[in-house]
Structures are given as structure tokens and as C-alpha cells.
Amino acid sequence: QVQANVCVNMEMVKDALDQLRGAVMIVYPMGLPPHDPIRMELEDKE
């Protein structure tokens, strides 16, 4: 994005996190184990 002269802001970071969260919910509708690093990251418990 630097080479493309595109600025990154906190909204874009949150958008990326929401996309990843949505994909996990689609593939694993019952959720992930509480000890899974992905769930811990999404819940800010890493």
C-alpha cells in the first residue's frame, strides 16, 4: 500500500479483522475451542 500511495487507518485494520472473524464464523458456526490462538486473538486474549 506504501508503493501504491494508499494510506492505512484504524478503520481499515478493523475491517480486515472483521473479515477474518466473519470467515471463521462461516466455516465454524459452532465456534472454536477457547484455547485456539485464533479465538484468543479475536477476543483480545492472546
All heavy atoms as atom14 arrays in JSON, in Angstrom:
{
  "sequence": "QVQANVCVNMEMVKDALDQLRGAVMIVYPMGLPPHDPIRMELEDKE",
  "atom14_mask": [
    [1, 1, 1, 1, 1, 1, 1, 1, 1, 0, 0, 0, 0, 0],
    [1, 1, 1, 1, 1, 1, 1, 0, 0, 0, 0, 0, 0, 0],
    [1, 1, 1, 1, 1, 1, 1, 1, 1, 0, 0, 0, 0, 0],
    [1, 1, 1, 1, 1, 0, 0, 0, 0, 0, 0, 0, 0, 0],
    [1, 1, 1, 1, 1, 1, 1, 1, 0, 0, 0, 0, 0, 0],
    [1, 1, 1, 1, 1, 1, 1, 0, 0, 0, 0, 0, 0, 0],
    [1, 1, 1, 1, 1, 1, 0, 0, 0, 0, 0, 0, 0, 0],
    [1, 1, 1, 1, 1, 1, 1, 0, 0, 0, 0, 0, 0, 0],
    [1, 1, 1, 1, 1, 1, 1, 1, 0, 0, 0, 0, 0, 0],
    [1, 1, 1, 1, 1, 1, 1, 1, 0, 0, 0, 0, 0, 0],
    [1, 1, 1, 1, 1, 1, 1, 1, 1, 0, 0, 0, 0, 0],
    [1, 1, 1, 1, 1, 1, 1, 1, 0, 0, 0, 0, 0, 0],
    [1, 1, 1, 1, 1, 1, 1, 0, 0, 0, 0, 0, 0, 0],
    [1, 1, 1, 1, 1, 1, 1, 1, 1, 0, 0, 0, 0, 0],
    [1, 1, 1, 1, 1, 1, 1, 1, 0, 0, 0, 0, 0, 0],
    [1, 1, 1, 1, 1, 0, 0, 0, 0, 0, 0, 0, 0, 0],
    [1, 1, 1, 1, 1, 1, 1, 1, 0, 0, 0, 0, 0, 0],
    [1, 1, 1, 1, 1, 1, 1, 1, 0, 0, 0, 0, 0, 0],
    [1, 1, 1, 1, 1, 1, 1, 1, 1, 0, 0, 0, 0, 0],
    [1, 1, 1, 1, 1, 1, 1, 1, 0, 0, 0, 0, 0, 0],
    [1, 1, 1, 1, 1, 1, 1, 1, 1, 1, 1, 0, 0, 0],
    [1, 1, 1, 1, 0, 0, 0, 0, 0, 0, 0, 0, 0, 0],
    [1, 1, 1, 1, 1, 0, 0, 0, 0, 0, 0, 0, 0, 0],
    [1, 1, 1, 1, 1, 1, 1, 0, 0, 0, 0, 0, 0, 0],
    [1, 1, 1, 1, 1, 1, 1, 1, 0, 0, 0, 0, 0, 0],
    [1, 1, 1, 1, 1, 1, 1, 1, 0, 0, 0, 0, 0, 0],
    [1, 1, 1, 1, 1, 1, 1, 0, 0, 0, 0, 0, 0, 0],
    [1, 1, 1, 1, 1, 1, 1, 1, 1, 1, 1, 1, 0, 0],
    [1, 1, 1, 1, 1, 1, 1, 0, 0, 0, 0, 0, 0, 0],
    [1, 1, 1, 1, 1, 1, 1, 1, 0, 0, 0, 0, 0, 0],
    [1, 1, 1, 1, 0, 0, 0, 0, 0, 0, 0, 0, 0, 0],
    [1, 1, 1, 1, 1, 1, 1, 1, 0, 0, 0, 0, 0, 0],
    [1, 1, 1, 1, 1, 1, 1, 0, 0, 0, 0, 0, 0, 0],
    [1, 1, 1, 1, 1, 1, 1, 0, 0, 0, 0, 0, 0, 0],
    [1, 1, 1, 1, 1, 1, 1, 1, 1, 1, 0, 0, 0, 0],
    [1, 1, 1, 1, 1, 1, 1, 1, 0, 0, 0, 0, 0, 0],
    [1, 1, 1, 1, 1, 1, 1, 0, 0, 0, 0, 0, 0, 0],
    [1, 1, 1, 1, 1, 1, 1, 1, 0, 0, 0, 0, 0, 0],
    [1, 1, 1, 1, 1, 1, 1, 1, 1, 1, 1, 0, 0, 0],
    [1, 1, 1, 1, 1, 1, 1, 1, 0, 0, 0, 0, 0, 0],
    [1, 1, 1, 1, 1, 1, 1, 1, 1, 0, 0, 0, 0, 0],
    [1, 1, 1, 1, 1, 1, 1, 1, 0, 0, 0, 0, 0, 0],
    [1, 1, 1, 1, 1, 1, 1, 1, 1, 0, 0, 0, 0, 0],
    [1, 1, 1, 1, 1, 1, 1, 1, 0, 0, 0, 0, 0, 0],
    [1, 1, 1, 1, 1, 1, 1, 1, 1, 0, 0, 0, 0, 0],
    [1, 1, 1, 1, 1, 1, 1, 1, 1, 0, 0, 0, 0, 0]
  ],
  "atom14_positions": [
    [[0.83, -1.2, 0.0], [0.0, 0.0, 0.0], [0.87, 1.26, 0.0], [0.45, 2.31, -0.48], [-0.92, 0.01, 1.23], [-1.92, -1.14, 1.3], [-3.11, -0.94, 0.38], [-2.96, -0.61, -0.78], [-4.3, -1.17, 0.91], [0.0, 0.0, 0.0], [0.0, 0.0, 0.0], [0.0, 0.0, 0.0], [0.0, 0.0, 0.0], [0.0, 0.0, 0.0]],
    [[2.08, 1.14, 0.56], [3.0, 2.28, 0.55], [3.4, 2.61, -0.88], [3.38, 3.77, -1.3], [4.27, 1.98, 1.41], [5.28, 3.11, 1.29], [3.88, 1.78, 2.87], [0.0, 0.0, 0.0], [0.0, 0.0, 0.0], [0.0, 0.0, 0.0], [0.0, 0.0, 0.0], [0.0, 0.0, 0.0], [0.0, 0.0, 0.0], [0.0, 0.0, 0.0]],
    [[3.75, 1.58, -1.65], [4.14, 1.78, -3.05], [2.97, 2.32, -3.87], [3.17, 3.09, -4.8], [4.65, 0.47, -3.64], [5.85, -0.11, -2.91], [6.19, -1.52, -3.36], [5.52, -2.09, -4.23], [7.21, -2.11, -2.77], [0.0, 0.0, 0.0], [0.0, 0.0, 0.0], [0.0, 0.0, 0.0], [0.0, 0.0, 0.0], [0.0, 0.0, 0.0]],
    [[1.75, 1.91, -3.5], [0.56, 2.36, -4.22], [0.08, 3.72, -3.72], [-0.93, 4.24, -4.21], [-0.56, 1.33, -4.07], [0.0, 0.0, 0.0], [0.0, 0.0, 0.0], [0.0, 0.0, 0.0], [0.0, 0.0, 0.0], [0.0, 0.0, 0.0], [0.0, 0.0, 0.0], [0.0, 0.0, 0.0], [0.0, 0.0, 0.0], [0.0, 0.0, 0.0]],
    [[0.79, 4.27, -2.72], [0.44, 5.57, -2.14], [-0.95, 5.57, -1.52], [-1.7, 6.55, -1.6], [0.54, 6.69, -3.19], [0.74, 8.05, -2.56], [1.38, 8.19, -1.51], [0.17, 9.08, -3.17], [0.0, 0.0, 0.0], [0.0, 0.0, 0.0], [0.0, 0.0, 0.0], [0.0, 0.0, 0.0], [0.0, 0.0, 0.0], [0.0, 0.0, 0.0]],
    [[-1.31, 4.45, -0.89], [-2.6, 4.3, -0.21], [-2.36, 4.35, 1.29], [-1.54, 3.6, 1.83], [-3.29, 2.98, -0.59], [-4.57, 2.78, 0.22], [-3.58, 2.94, -2.08], [0.0, 0.0, 0.0], [0.0, 0.0, 0.0], [0.0, 0.0, 0.0], [0.0, 0.0, 0.0], [0.0, 0.0, 0.0], [0.0, 0.0, 0.0], [0.0, 0.0, 0.0]],
    [[-3.07, 5.24, 1.97], [-2.92, 5.37, 3.42], [-3.72, 4.3, 4.14], [-4.81, 3.9, 3.7], [-3.37, 6.76, 3.88], [-2.24, 8.07, 3.37], [0.0, 0.0, 0.0], [0.0, 0.0, 0.0], [0.0, 0.0, 0.0], [0.0, 0.0, 0.0], [0.0, 0.0, 0.0], [0.0, 0.0, 0.0], [0.0, 0.0, 0.0], [0.0, 0.0, 0.0]],
    [[-3.2, 3.83, 5.25], [-3.87, 2.83, 6.09], [-4.3, 3.52, 7.38], [-3.51, 4.25, 7.99], [-2.94, 1.64, 6.4], [-3.6, 0.68, 7.37], [-2.56, 0.93, 5.11], [0.0, 0.0, 0.0], [0.0, 0.0, 0.0], [0.0, 0.0, 0.0], [0.0, 0.0, 0.0], [0.0, 0.0, 0.0], [0.0, 0.0, 0.0], [0.0, 0.0, 0.0]],
    [[-5.53, 3.28, 7.8], [-6.0, 3.84, 9.06], [-6.59, 2.73, 9.93], [-6.66, 1.57, 9.51], [-7.03, 4.95, 8.83], [-8.16, 4.51, 7.91], [-8.64, 3.38, 7.99], [-8.57, 5.4, 7.0], [0.0, 0.0, 0.0], [0.0, 0.0, 0.0], [0.0, 0.0, 0.0], [0.0, 0.0, 0.0], [0.0, 0.0, 0.0], [0.0, 0.0, 0.0]],
    [[-7.03, 3.1, 11.12], [-7.52, 2.1, 12.07], [-8.8, 1.43, 11.55], [-9.05, 0.26, 11.85], [-7.77, 2.77, 13.42], [-7.75, 1.8, 14.59], [-6.19, 0.91, 14.71], [-6.75, -0.67, 15.34], [0.0, 0.0, 0.0], [0.0, 0.0, 0.0], [0.0, 0.0, 0.0], [0.0, 0.0, 0.0], [0.0, 0.0, 0.0], [0.0, 0.0, 0.0]],
    [[-9.59, 2.16, 10.76], [-10.82, 1.59, 10.21], [-10.49, 0.44, 9.25], [-11.2, -0.57, 9.23], [-11.63, 2.67, 9.48], [-12.35, 3.66, 10.36], [-11.42, 4.58, 11.12], [-10.31, 4.88, 10.6], [-11.76, 4.99, 12.25], [0.0, 0.0, 0.0], [0.0, 0.0, 0.0], [0.0, 0.0, 0.0], [0.0, 0.0, 0.0], [0.0, 0.0, 0.0]],
    [[-9.43, 0.58, 8.48], [-9.04, -0.47, 7.56], [-8.54, -1.7, 8.31], [-8.8, -2.83, 7.91], [-7.96, 0.05, 6.6], [-8.45, 1.12, 5.66], [-7.13, 1.88, 4.68], [-6.68, 0.53, 3.59], [0.0, 0.0, 0.0], [0.0, 0.0, 0.0], [0.0, 0.0, 0.0], [0.0, 0.0, 0.0], [0.0, 0.0, 0.0], [0.0, 0.0, 0.0]],
    [[-7.83, -1.47, 9.4], [-7.36, -2.58, 10.23], [-8.56, -3.32, 10.83], [-8.61, -4.57, 10.81], [-6.43, -2.08, 11.35], [-6.07, -3.22, 12.3], [-5.15, -1.48, 10.76], [0.0, 0.0, 0.0], [0.0, 0.0, 0.0], [0.0, 0.0, 0.0], [0.0, 0.0, 0.0], [0.0, 0.0, 0.0], [0.0, 0.0, 0.0], [0.0, 0.0, 0.0]],
    [[-9.53, -2.57, 11.33], [-10.73, -3.19, 11.92], [-11.52, -3.94, 10.85], [-12.08, -5.01, 11.12], [-11.6, -2.12, 12.56], [-11.03, -1.54, 13.85], [-11.93, -0.46, 14.42], [-11.35, 0.12, 15.71], [-12.2, 1.23, 16.25], [0.0, 0.0, 0.0], [0.0, 0.0, 0.0], [0.0, 0.0, 0.0], [0.0, 0.0, 0.0], [0.0, 0.0, 0.0]],
    [[-11.56, -3.39, 9.64], [-12.25, -4.05, 8.54], [-11.61, -5.4, 8.23], [-12.3, -6.4, 8.01], [-12.22, -3.15, 7.31], [-13.1, -3.68, 6.17], [-14.01, -4.48, 6.46], [-12.87, -3.3, 5.01], [0.0, 0.0, 0.0], [0.0, 0.0, 0.0], [0.0, 0.0, 0.0], [0.0, 0.0, 0.0], [0.0, 0.0, 0.0], [0.0, 0.0, 0.0]],
    [[-10.26, -5.43, 8.21], [-9.55, -6.68, 7.96], [-9.85, -7.71, 9.05], [-10.08, -8.88, 8.77], [-8.05, -6.42, 7.88], [0.0, 0.0, 0.0], [0.0, 0.0, 0.0], [0.0, 0.0, 0.0], [0.0, 0.0, 0.0], [0.0, 0.0, 0.0], [0.0, 0.0, 0.0], [0.0, 0.0, 0.0], [0.0, 0.0, 0.0], [0.0, 0.0, 0.0]],
    [[-9.87, -7.25, 10.31], [-10.17, -8.15, 11.42], [-11.6, -8.68, 11.34], [-11.85, -9.86, 11.61], [-9.96, -7.43, 12.76], [-8.5, -7.1, 13.11], [-8.43, -6.2, 14.34], [-7.69, -8.37, 13.36], [0.0, 0.0, 0.0], [0.0, 0.0, 0.0], [0.0, 0.0, 0.0], [0.0, 0.0, 0.0], [0.0, 0.0, 0.0], [0.0, 0.0, 0.0]],
    [[-12.53, -7.81, 10.95], [-13.94, -8.23, 10.83], [-14.11, -9.24, 9.71], [-14.91, -10.18, 9.84], [-14.83, -7.01, 10.57], [-14.99, -6.13, 11.81], [-14.72, -6.63, 12.92], [-15.36, -4.94, 11.66], [0.0, 0.0, 0.0], [0.0, 0.0, 0.0], [0.0, 0.0, 0.0], [0.0, 0.0, 0.0], [0.0, 0.0, 0.0], [0.0, 0.0, 0.0]],
    [[-13.38, -9.08, 8.63], [-13.45, -10.05, 7.53], [-12.97, -11.42, 7.99], [-13.59, -12.45, 7.68], [-12.61, -9.56, 6.35], [-13.2, -8.39, 5.58], [-12.36, -8.03, 4.36], [-11.67, -8.89, 3.8], [-12.43, -6.78, 3.93], [0.0, 0.0, 0.0], [0.0, 0.0, 0.0], [0.0, 0.0, 0.0], [0.0, 0.0, 0.0], [0.0, 0.0, 0.0]],
    [[-11.87, -11.44, 8.72], [-11.34, -12.71, 9.22], [-12.3, -13.34, 10.22], [-12.51, -14.57, 10.2], [-9.97, -12.48, 9.86], [-8.86, -12.0, 8.91], [-7.6, -11.63, 9.68], [-8.54, -13.08, 7.87], [0.0, 0.0, 0.0], [0.0, 0.0, 0.0], [0.0, 0.0, 0.0], [0.0, 0.0, 0.0], [0.0, 0.0, 0.0], [0.0, 0.0, 0.0]],
    [[-12.87, -12.52, 11.08], [-13.83, -13.03, 12.06], [-15.05, -13.63, 11.35], [-15.56, -14.7, 11.73], [-14.28, -11.89, 12.99], [-15.27, -12.35, 14.09], [-15.7, -11.2, 14.97], [-14.63, -10.78, 15.87], [-13.9, -9.68, 15.72], [-14.13, -8.87, 14.69], [-12.96, -9.37, 16.57], [0.0, 0.0, 0.0], [0.0, 0.0, 0.0], [0.0, 0.0, 0.0]],
    [[-15.52, -12.95, 10.31], [-16.67, -13.45, 9.56], [-16.39, -14.78, 8.89], [-17.26, -15.67, 8.89], [0.0, 0.0, 0.0], [0.0, 0.0, 0.0], [0.0, 0.0, 0.0], [0.0, 0.0, 0.0], [0.0, 0.0, 0.0], [0.0, 0.0, 0.0], [0.0, 0.0, 0.0], [0.0, 0.0, 0.0], [0.0, 0.0, 0.0], [0.0, 0.0, 0.0]],
    [[-15.19, -14.94, 8.34], [-14.83, -16.2, 7.69], [-14.82, -17.35, 8.69], [-15.3, -18.47, 8.39], [-13.48, -16.07, 7.01], [0.0, 0.0, 0.0], [0.0, 0.0, 0.0], [0.0, 0.0, 0.0], [0.0, 0.0, 0.0], [0.0, 0.0, 0.0], [0.0, 0.0, 0.0], [0.0, 0.0, 0.0], [0.0, 0.0, 0.0], [0.0, 0.0, 0.0]],
    [[-14.3, -17.1, 9.88], [-14.26, -18.14, 10.91], [-15.68, -18.54, 11.31], [-15.99, -19.73, 11.49], [-13.48, -17.65, 12.15], [-13.62, -18.65, 13.31], [-12.01, -17.47, 11.8], [0.0, 0.0, 0.0], [0.0, 0.0, 0.0], [0.0, 0.0, 0.0], [0.0, 0.0, 0.0], [0.0, 0.0, 0.0], [0.0, 0.0, 0.0], [0.0, 0.0, 0.0]],
    [[-16.58, -17.56, 11.42], [-17.97, -17.84, 11.81], [-18.7, -18.62, 10.73], [-19.55, -19.47, 11.03], [-18.7, -16.52, 12.1], [-18.2, -15.81, 13.34], [-18.99, -14.19, 13.58], [-20.69, -14.69, 13.9], [0.0, 0.0, 0.0], [0.0, 0.0, 0.0], [0.0, 0.0, 0.0], [0.0, 0.0, 0.0], [0.0, 0.0, 0.0], [0.0, 0.0, 0.0]],
    [[-18.35, -18.37, 9.45], [-18.99, -19.1, 8.35], [-18.54, -20.56, 8.36], [-19.36, -21.49, 8.22], [-18.65, -18.44, 7.0], [-19.35, -17.09, 6.88], [-19.05, -19.35, 5.83], [-18.92, -16.28, 5.67], [0.0, 0.0, 0.0], [0.0, 0.0, 0.0], [0.0, 0.0, 0.0], [0.0, 0.0, 0.0], [0.0, 0.0, 0.0], [0.0, 0.0, 0.0]],
    [[-17.25, -20.78, 8.5], [-16.7, -22.13, 8.42], [-16.93, -22.91, 9.72], [-17.17, -24.12, 9.7], [-15.19, -22.08, 8.08], [-14.61, -23.49, 7.98], [-14.97, -21.34, 6.77], [0.0, 0.0, 0.0], [0.0, 0.0, 0.0], [0.0, 0.0, 0.0], [0.0, 0.0, 0.0], [0.0, 0.0, 0.0], [0.0, 0.0, 0.0], [0.0, 0.0, 0.0]],
    [[-16.86, -22.22, 10.84], [-17.07, -22.87, 12.14], [-18.21, -22.17, 12.89], [-17.97, -21.38, 13.81], [-15.79, -22.83, 12.97], [-14.73, -23.79, 12.5], [-13.78, -23.39, 11.55], [-14.67, -25.09, 12.98], [-12.81, -24.26, 11.1], [-13.69, -25.97, 12.54], [-12.77, -25.56, 11.58], [-11.82, -26.43, 11.13], [0.0, 0.0, 0.0], [0.0, 0.0, 0.0]],
    [[-19.46, -22.45, 12.46], [-20.61, -21.78, 13.1], [-20.74, -22.08, 14.59], [-21.31, -21.28, 15.34], [-21.81, -22.31, 12.31], [-21.33, -23.59, 11.67], [-19.89, -23.38, 11.41], [0.0, 0.0, 0.0], [0.0, 0.0, 0.0], [0.0, 0.0, 0.0], [0.0, 0.0, 0.0], [0.0, 0.0, 0.0], [0.0, 0.0, 0.0], [0.0, 0.0, 0.0]],
    [[-20.17, -23.2, 15.05], [-20.24, -23.56, 16.48], [-19.09, -22.93, 17.27], [-18.97, -23.13, 18.47], [-20.22, -25.08, 16.65], [-21.37, -25.8, 15.94], [-22.99, -25.21, 16.47], [-23.0, -25.82, 18.16], [0.0, 0.0, 0.0], [0.0, 0.0, 0.0], [0.0, 0.0, 0.0], [0.0, 0.0, 0.0], [0.0, 0.0, 0.0], [0.0, 0.0, 0.0]],
    [[-18.23, -22.21, 16.55], [-17.13, -21.54, 17.22], [-15.88, -22.41, 17.29], [-15.87, -23.58, 16.87], [0.0, 0.0, 0.0], [0.0, 0.0, 0.0], [0.0, 0.0, 0.0], [0.0, 0.0, 0.0], [0.0, 0.0, 0.0], [0.0, 0.0, 0.0], [0.0, 0.0, 0.0], [0.0, 0.0, 0.0], [0.0, 0.0, 0.0], [0.0, 0.0, 0.0]],
    [[-14.8, -21.83, 17.84], [-13.53, -22.53, 18.02], [-13.28, -22.81, 19.5], [-13.87, -22.14, 20.36], [-12.39, -21.68, 17.46], [-12.42, -21.38, 15.95], [-11.3, -20.42, 15.58], [-12.32, -22.66, 15.14], [0.0, 0.0, 0.0], [0.0, 0.0, 0.0], [0.0, 0.0, 0.0], [0.0, 0.0, 0.0], [0.0, 0.0, 0.0], [0.0, 0.0, 0.0]],
    [[-12.41, -23.75, 19.81], [-12.09, -24.02, 21.22], [-11.52, -22.76, 21.9], [-10.87, -21.94, 21.23], [-11.02, -25.12, 21.14], [-11.22, -25.75, 19.81], [-11.69, -24.68, 18.89], [0.0, 0.0, 0.0], [0.0, 0.0, 0.0], [0.0, 0.0, 0.0], [0.0, 0.0, 0.0], [0.0, 0.0, 0.0], [0.0, 0.0, 0.0], [0.0, 0.0, 0.0]],
    [[-11.74, -22.59, 23.18], [-11.25, -21.38, 23.87], [-9.74, -21.27, 23.88], [-9.2, -20.18, 24.04], [-11.8, -21.55, 25.29], [-12.12, -23.0, 25.43], [-12.5, -23.48, 24.08], [0.0, 0.0, 0.0], [0.0, 0.0, 0.0], [0.0, 0.0, 0.0], [0.0, 0.0, 0.0], [0.0, 0.0, 0.0], [0.0, 0.0, 0.0], [0.0, 0.0, 0.0]],
    [[-9.03, -22.4, 23.69], [-7.57, -22.36, 23.69], [-6.99, -22.16, 22.29], [-5.77, -22.1, 22.13], [-7.02, -23.68, 24.28], [-7.55, -24.9, 23.6], [-8.68, -25.55, 24.05], [-7.14, -25.6, 22.5], [-8.94, -26.59, 23.26], [-8.0, -26.64, 22.31], [0.0, 0.0, 0.0], [0.0, 0.0, 0.0], [0.0, 0.0, 0.0], [0.0, 0.0, 0.0]],
    [[-7.84, -22.07, 21.27], [-7.35, -21.86, 19.9], [-6.81, -20.44, 19.76], [-7.49, -19.47, 20.12], [-8.47, -22.09, 18.89], [-7.93, -22.28, 17.47], [-7.27, -21.35, 16.96], [-8.17, -23.35, 16.88], [0.0, 0.0, 0.0], [0.0, 0.0, 0.0], [0.0, 0.0, 0.0], [0.0, 0.0, 0.0], [0.0, 0.0, 0.0], [0.0, 0.0, 0.0]],
    [[-5.58, -20.27, 19.24], [-4.99, -18.93, 19.11], [-5.85, -17.96, 18.3], [-5.84, -16.76, 18.58], [-3.66, -19.2, 18.39], [-3.35, -20.62, 18.67], [-4.67, -21.32, 18.77], [0.0, 0.0, 0.0], [0.0, 0.0, 0.0], [0.0, 0.0, 0.0], [0.0, 0.0, 0.0], [0.0, 0.0, 0.0], [0.0, 0.0, 0.0], [0.0, 0.0, 0.0]],
    [[-6.61, -18.49, 17.34], [-7.45, -17.63, 16.52], [-8.56, -17.01, 17.36], [-8.81, -15.8, 17.31], [-8.05, -18.42, 15.33], [-6.93, -18.93, 14.43], [-9.05, -17.57, 14.55], [-7.39, -19.88, 13.34], [0.0, 0.0, 0.0], [0.0, 0.0, 0.0], [0.0, 0.0, 0.0], [0.0, 0.0, 0.0], [0.0, 0.0, 0.0], [0.0, 0.0, 0.0]],
    [[-9.21, -17.83, 18.16], [-10.27, -17.31, 19.04], [-9.68, -16.34, 20.06], [-10.28, -15.3, 20.34], [-10.97, -18.47, 19.74], [-12.04, -18.02, 20.73], [-12.88, -19.18, 21.22], [-13.74, -18.8, 22.33], [-14.62, -19.6, 22.91], [-14.77, -20.85, 22.46], [-15.36, -19.18, 23.92], [0.0, 0.0, 0.0], [0.0, 0.0, 0.0], [0.0, 0.0, 0.0]],
    [[-8.54, -16.66, 20.6], [-7.9, -15.79, 21.59], [-7.53, -14.45, 20.97], [-7.69, -13.39, 21.61], [-6.67, -16.49, 22.17], [-7.0, -17.74, 22.97], [-5.54, -18.66, 23.49], [-4.95, -17.6, 24.81], [0.0, 0.0, 0.0], [0.0, 0.0, 0.0], [0.0, 0.0, 0.0], [0.0, 0.0, 0.0], [0.0, 0.0, 0.0], [0.0, 0.0, 0.0]],
    [[-7.06, -14.45, 19.73], [-6.73, -13.2, 19.04], [-7.99, -12.37, 18.8], [-8.0, -11.15, 19.03], [-6.05, -13.49, 17.7], [-4.62, -13.99, 17.8], [-3.62, -12.87, 18.01], [-4.03, -11.7, 18.18], [-2.41, -13.16, 18.02], [0.0, 0.0, 0.0], [0.0, 0.0, 0.0], [0.0, 0.0, 0.0], [0.0, 0.0, 0.0], [0.0, 0.0, 0.0]],
    [[-9.05, -13.02, 18.34], [-10.28, -12.31, 18.05], [-10.95, -11.75, 19.3], [-11.67, -10.76, 19.25], [-11.27, -13.23, 17.31], [-10.84, -13.64, 15.89], [-11.78, -14.68, 15.32], [-10.78, -12.42, 14.97], [0.0, 0.0, 0.0], [0.0, 0.0, 0.0], [0.0, 0.0, 0.0], [0.0, 0.0, 0.0], [0.0, 0.0, 0.0], [0.0, 0.0, 0.0]],
    [[-10.7, -12.39, 20.45], [-11.25, -11.92, 21.72], [-10.25, -11.07, 22.5], [-10.5, -10.72, 23.66], [-11.69, -13.12, 22.57], [-12.85, -13.91, 21.95], [-13.24, -15.13, 22.77], [-12.5, -15.43, 23.76], [-14.26, -15.76, 22.45], [0.0, 0.0, 0.0], [0.0, 0.0, 0.0], [0.0, 0.0, 0.0], [0.0, 0.0, 0.0], [0.0, 0.0, 0.0]],
    [[-9.12, -10.74, 21.87], [-8.06, -9.93, 22.5], [-7.56, -10.56, 23.81], [-7.26, -9.87, 24.77], [-8.56, -8.5, 22.77], [-8.86, -7.75, 21.48], [-8.14, -7.98, 20.49], [-9.8, -6.95, 21.47], [0.0, 0.0, 0.0], [0.0, 0.0, 0.0], [0.0, 0.0, 0.0], [0.0, 0.0, 0.0], [0.0, 0.0, 0.0], [0.0, 0.0, 0.0]],
    [[-7.44, -11.87, 23.8], [-6.95, -12.59, 24.98], [-5.62, -13.3, 24.69], [-5.19, -14.15, 25.46], [-7.98, -13.63, 25.44], [-9.29, -13.03, 25.92], [-10.28, -14.13, 26.33], [-11.6, -13.54, 26.81], [-12.58, -14.61, 27.16], [0.0, 0.0, 0.0], [0.0, 0.0, 0.0], [0.0, 0.0, 0.0], [0.0, 0.0, 0.0], [0.0, 0.0, 0.0]],
    [[-4.99, -12.93, 23.59], [-3.75, -13.62, 23.2], [-2.64, -13.37, 24.21], [-2.53, -12.27, 24.78], [-3.29, -13.18, 21.81], [-2.82, -11.75, 21.71], [-3.93, -10.75, 21.44], [-5.11, -11.1, 21.67], [-3.62, -9.62, 21.01], [0.0, 0.0, 0.0], [0.0, 0.0, 0.0], [0.0, 0.0, 0.0], [0.0, 0.0, 0.0], [0.0, 0.0, 0.0]]
  ]
}
